[in-house]
Amino acid sequence: MSTSEILSLIDAEIANLQQARALIADTGTKLPGRPKAVAVQKNKPKRTMSAEGRARIAAAQRKRWAAKKK
């Protein structure tokens, strides 16, 4: 092995260790393929439904119950 090959292997290992350290420390370093789904879900606002929408759903359910009762 030449010196340049050894140095490139060491550099690759250092990069891997830095990524592992960032994951453990959660420093916020952007890593390729790191999911952010958990943080996004916490910040989503609650969904609300209008009174008109609730009334339409209730009417449809009553219609289904009536059809089943027949």
Protein backbone atom coordinates (compact mmCIF):
# COMPACT_ATOMS: atom_id res chain seq x y z
CA MET A 1 0.00 0.00 0.00
CA SER A 2 1.26 3.41 -0.87
CA THR A 3 1.20 6.37 1.45
CA SER A 4 -1.50 8.12 -0.58
CA GLU A 5 -3.79 5.07 -0.32
CA ILE A 6 -3.30 4.89 3.44
CA LEU A 7 -4.06 8.60 3.78
CA SER A 8 -7.25 8.28 1.70
CA LEU A 9 -8.40 5.34 3.88
CA ILE A 10 -7.72 7.36 7.02
CA ASP A 11 -9.63 10.35 5.60
CA ALA A 12 -12.61 8.11 4.78
CA GLU A 13 -12.58 6.67 8.30
CA ILE A 14 -12.43 10.16 9.80
CA ALA A 15 -15.46 11.19 7.73
CA ASN A 16 -17.38 8.13 8.95
CA LEU A 17 -16.48 8.84 12.57
CA GLN A 18 -17.53 12.48 12.24
CA GLN A 19 -20.92 11.40 10.88
CA ALA A 20 -21.34 8.92 13.73
CA ARG A 21 -20.42 11.60 16.27
CA ALA A 22 -22.91 14.03 14.74
CA LEU A 23 -25.67 11.44 14.98
CA ILE A 24 -24.88 10.67 18.60
CA ALA A 25 -24.47 14.30 19.65
CA ASP A 26 -27.41 15.44 17.48
CA THR A 27 -25.61 18.63 16.60
CA GLY A 28 -28.00 19.36 13.78
CA THR A 29 -25.40 18.61 11.14
CA LYS A 30 -27.15 17.81 7.90
CA LEU A 31 -26.35 14.28 6.85
CA PRO A 32 -27.46 12.70 3.61
CA GLY A 33 -30.64 10.67 4.01
CA ARG A 34 -31.34 11.81 7.57
CA PRO A 35 -35.13 11.83 8.10
CA LYS A 36 -36.84 14.87 9.57
CA ALA A 37 -40.33 13.40 9.75
CA VAL A 38 -40.48 13.37 13.55
CA ALA A 39 -39.72 17.07 13.90
CA VAL A 40 -42.20 18.02 11.18
CA GLN A 41 -45.06 16.07 12.74
CA LYS A 42 -44.70 17.81 16.10
CA ASN A 43 -45.12 21.24 14.53
CA LYS A 44 -48.22 20.50 12.44
CA PRO A 45 -51.31 22.47 13.44
CA LYS A 46 -54.45 20.58 14.41
CA ARG A 47 -56.96 20.03 11.68
CA THR A 48 -60.31 21.66 12.22
CA MET A 49 -63.63 20.96 10.58
CA SER A 50 -66.30 23.51 9.86
CA ALA A 51 -69.78 23.17 11.32
CA GLU A 52 -71.09 22.69 7.78
CA GLY A 53 -68.69 19.80 7.20
CA ARG A 54 -69.67 18.12 10.47
CA ALA A 55 -73.35 18.50 9.58
CA ARG A 56 -72.82 16.88 6.16
CA ILE A 57 -70.97 13.93 7.71
CA ALA A 58 -73.67 13.51 10.37
CA ALA A 59 -76.42 13.61 7.75
CA ALA A 60 -74.64 11.01 5.63
CA GLN A 61 -74.20 8.74 8.66
CA ARG A 62 -77.88 9.07 9.58
CA LYS A 63 -78.75 8.15 6.00
CA ARG A 64 -76.54 5.03 6.22
CA TRP A 65 -78.13 4.03 9.56
CA ALA A 66 -81.63 4.48 8.10
CA ALA A 67 -80.76 2.35 5.08
CA LYS A 68 -79.38 -0.38 7.32
CA LYS A 69 -82.44 -0.27 9.60
CA LYS A 70 -84.85 -0.98 6.70
